[in-house]
Amino acid sequence: MCLAIPHKIIKIRDTIATVECGQKTHTLDIRLTPKVKVGDYLMNENNFAIYKMTKKEAQETLKLFKHAK
């Protein structure tokens, strides 16, 4: 089972977004979500962004993970 954790975009260069998840950063391919911008939240699968979340969706999801610990 995979857990889908929201990732916040902090930088975009061409089709690659640098994202943060907690204290870690990594890159995602954003070709499947072309209308994203810095500050948006993404869900990913195999290093591809597959869904743009609203800020509210991301905050609610992160809150659920925090309470699950």
C-alpha atoms as a PDB file:
ATOM      1  CA  MET A   1       0.000   0.000   0.000  1.00  0.00           C
ATOM      2  CA  CYS A   2       1.250   3.480  -0.864  1.00  0.00           C
ATOM      3  CA  LEU A   3       0.507   6.553   1.181  1.00  0.00           C
ATOM      4  CA  ALA A   4      -0.199   9.663  -0.844  1.00  0.00           C
ATOM      5  CA  ILE A   5       1.343  12.632   0.933  1.00  0.00           C
ATOM      6  CA  PRO A   6       0.939  16.162  -0.448  1.00  0.00           C
ATOM      7  CA  HIS A   7       4.090  17.789  -1.809  1.00  0.00           C
ATOM      8  CA  LYS A   8       4.414  21.580  -2.061  1.00  0.00           C
ATOM      9  CA  ILE A   9       6.117  23.046  -5.136  1.00  0.00           C
ATOM     10  CA  ILE A  10       9.011  25.335  -4.231  1.00  0.00           C
ATOM     11  CA  LYS A  11      10.651  25.674  -7.662  1.00  0.00           C
ATOM     12  CA  ILE A  12       9.861  24.841 -11.292  1.00  0.00           C
ATOM     13  CA  ARG A  13      12.315  24.456 -14.140  1.00  0.00           C
ATOM     14  CA  ASP A  14      10.915  23.307 -17.476  1.00  0.00           C
ATOM     15  CA  THR A  15       8.978  20.096 -16.715  1.00  0.00           C
ATOM     16  CA  ILE A  16      10.611  19.405 -13.341  1.00  0.00           C
ATOM     17  CA  ALA A  17       9.321  20.717 -10.028  1.00  0.00           C
ATOM     18  CA  THR A  18      11.325  20.767  -6.829  1.00  0.00           C
ATOM     19  CA  VAL A  19       8.923  19.903  -4.039  1.00  0.00           C
ATOM     20  CA  GLU A  20       9.039  19.661  -0.284  1.00  0.00           C
ATOM     21  CA  CYS A  21       7.418  17.073   1.898  1.00  0.00           C
ATOM     22  CA  GLY A  22       8.083  17.704   5.539  1.00  0.00           C
ATOM     23  CA  GLN A  23      11.773  18.532   5.886  1.00  0.00           C
ATOM     24  CA  LYS A  24      12.813  16.745   2.675  1.00  0.00           C
ATOM     25  CA  THR A  25      12.958  18.005  -0.903  1.00  0.00           C
ATOM     26  CA  HIS A  26      13.051  16.102  -4.171  1.00  0.00           C
ATOM     27  CA  THR A  27      11.986  16.511  -7.782  1.00  0.00           C
ATOM     28  CA  LEU A  28       8.872  15.469  -9.683  1.00  0.00           C
ATOM     29  CA  ASP A  29       8.119  15.379 -13.379  1.00  0.00           C
ATOM     30  CA  ILE A  30       5.126  17.689 -13.963  1.00  0.00           C
ATOM     31  CA  ARG A  31       4.331  16.868 -17.603  1.00  0.00           C
ATOM     32  CA  LEU A  32       1.039  15.269 -16.511  1.00  0.00           C
ATOM     33  CA  THR A  33       0.052  18.397 -14.547  1.00  0.00           C
ATOM     34  CA  PRO A  34       1.139  21.260 -16.829  1.00  0.00           C
ATOM     35  CA  LYS A  35      -0.762  24.141 -15.201  1.00  0.00           C
ATOM     36  CA  VAL A  36       0.906  24.014 -11.791  1.00  0.00           C
ATOM     37  CA  LYS A  37       2.868  26.845 -10.193  1.00  0.00           C
ATOM     38  CA  VAL A  38       5.115  27.476  -7.203  1.00  0.00           C
ATOM     39  CA  GLY A  39       3.068  27.115  -4.015  1.00  0.00           C
ATOM     40  CA  ASP A  40       0.710  24.468  -5.436  1.00  0.00           C
ATOM     41  CA  TYR A  41       0.371  21.050  -3.819  1.00  0.00           C
ATOM     42  CA  LEU A  42       0.762  17.816  -5.750  1.00  0.00           C
ATOM     43  CA  MET A  43       0.161  14.116  -5.315  1.00  0.00           C
ATOM     44  CA  ASN A  44       2.679  11.878  -7.026  1.00  0.00           C
ATOM     45  CA  GLU A  45       3.291   8.350  -8.242  1.00  0.00           C
ATOM     46  CA  ASN A  46       6.725   7.069  -9.312  1.00  0.00           C
ATOM     47  CA  ASN A  47       8.185  10.596  -9.381  1.00  0.00           C
ATOM     48  CA  PHE A  48       5.417  11.930 -11.635  1.00  0.00           C
ATOM     49  CA  ALA A  49       2.961  14.533 -10.360  1.00  0.00           C
ATOM     50  CA  ILE A  50      -0.484  13.086 -11.055  1.00  0.00           C
ATOM     51  CA  TYR A  51      -2.905  15.434  -9.296  1.00  0.00           C
ATOM     52  CA  LYS A  52      -2.940  19.069  -8.230  1.00  0.00           C
ATOM     53  CA  MET A  53      -4.549  19.507  -4.809  1.00  0.00           C
ATOM     54  CA  THR A  54      -6.115  22.610  -3.378  1.00  0.00           C
ATOM     55  CA  LYS A  55      -4.376  24.111  -0.366  1.00  0.00           C
ATOM     56  CA  LYS A  56      -7.362  23.071   1.765  1.00  0.00           C
ATOM     57  CA  GLU A  57      -7.145  19.446   0.556  1.00  0.00           C
ATOM     58  CA  ALA A  58      -3.426  19.371   1.284  1.00  0.00           C
ATOM     59  CA  GLN A  59      -3.850  20.842   4.774  1.00  0.00           C
ATOM     60  CA  GLU A  60      -6.636  18.385   5.638  1.00  0.00           C
ATOM     61  CA  THR A  61      -4.587  15.430   4.386  1.00  0.00           C
ATOM     62  CA  LEU A  62      -1.488  16.529   6.304  1.00  0.00           C
ATOM     63  CA  LYS A  63      -3.605  17.000   9.425  1.00  0.00           C
ATOM     64  CA  LEU A  64      -4.875  13.404   9.128  1.00  0.00           C
ATOM     65  CA  PHE A  65      -1.308  12.083   8.865  1.00  0.00           C
ATOM     66  CA  LYS A  66      -0.265  14.122  11.900  1.00  0.00           C
ATOM     67  CA  HIS A  67      -3.102  12.672  14.000  1.00  0.00           C
ATOM     68  CA  ALA A  68      -2.368   9.126  12.799  1.00  0.00           C
ATOM     69  CA  LYS A  69       1.111   9.110  14.390  1.00  0.00           C
END
